[in-house]
Amino acid sequence: MKFLHLVVRNALRNRVRTVLTIGGSAFLMFVLVFVMTALTEIYAWEGQAAKKNRVAVQHSTGLANPLPISLEEYLKGPEIQAHAQHVQKLNWFGGTYQDPRNFFARFAVDHDQLRELWSEYTISDAEYRSLCAMKNACIVGKSLAKRYGFRVGKRIAIVGDIYPVDLDLEVVGLYTCADDVRLEEQLYFRWDYLDELTGGEKIVGTYWMKARTPDDVAKLKELIDGRTKNSSDPTETVTEKEFNAQFMSMMGNIIGIVMMVGGIVMVIMTLMTANTMAMSVRERVTEVAVLRTIGFTSGHIRFLIVAESVFVTLTGALLSLGLALLLFNVFKLSPAPQFFPYFFVAPPTIAISLGAALAAGVVSAAVPAELAAGRKIVDGLRQVV
């Protein structure tokens, strides 16, 4: 810390050059923080799903094909119930609420199993009774309700697209989720209401259930998929984590893209800072020689130059992180609310960004610092820059 004042003075010797370098570093780090935050939000669902024993049964050819209603009787029979409980039908409705940009999940479910299957949700007994009593009732997450002004008693009209019917729903309750506020961005309504609107066609998108123990998951896959293997509607039984991973796989190699962007950011920032440090050290050849004559060692010179470089990159990183935290965590802005209802800069992202800035600062100053520390004092005093 005793050299901090000297490091700052050296960094600000050429203010225009330093400010431009800090600004460039801040921009690059903001790009890195943005991409990493998007990746964190995408994989947040997997982290929650891994904690549960929920299992989904879907058509083996894809989610676009429905499952037969007759399968429900088998799933609720003794063979499956020995390994699972709370079997529930679940259909993705889709549709449009007022504007196509108002995107949020809308699910038709068996209301009598909703509370038990999604046990992390909290809803009052009175509101749950209202859901069971009213066919066109729905419950919405508290965060979703806040975003669109939903409240108990409000009517919600949703125009269908996947299904050729429109929903006229009434909000009877708001649920919360202590595990993850992102899960409060959904709407649930009764499957029998959807079935009534579609003329009793008994369309089932997926079946969900909760395995009694983690060891029962493999047994459920064996029993269910084995029974339907040679039928006209073969199934694929997956864990909730595997179910969510299907959607992420549609986005391609997202991890590879993030790593590529991160690598490009690091290379550009390192080269930019190295150029600045090379010019700065070249301008101070005689000064470095004078410092050596009054007692500064080669190690001190290396430290001062590397510290100056780290000061520049860390300042840029702190500026970018401050802006990101202000925009995304404080003002809760989102680049695409329909896909990212919440866009939080997580602590690991902050740590990785600061580590990347520190590494870039050290690497970019390595060569200039070594050249300055290794130069003979006589050569430094003789050189005129």
Foldseek 3Di string as FASTA:
>chain_A
DVCVVVLVCLLCVPVVLLVVLLQLLLVLLLVLLQLVLVVCLLCVQLVVLVVFQKKKKAFPVDLLAFDDPVVVVVCPDPVNVVWWDLKKFKDFFDFDFPDNLLAFTEIAMALVSVCVFPVQKDKDPQLSVVQVPDQQEKEAEPLLCVVVVADAQDWTWTCTDSANFIGTHGYSIYIYGPVDRVVRRYMYHHPVSVCVRNPNPRTTSMMMIGTPDNVSQVVSQCVQQVVCVPPPGGIGMGRPSVVSVVVVVVVPPSVVVSVVSLVVSLVVSLVSLLVVLLVSLVQCLLVLLVVVVVPQALVNLLVSSLVSLLVSSLSSNVVSVVVCCCQQVVVNDDPRCNVPVHRHSDPVSSVVSSVSSSVSSNNSRVVSSVVSSPDDSVVSNPDDD
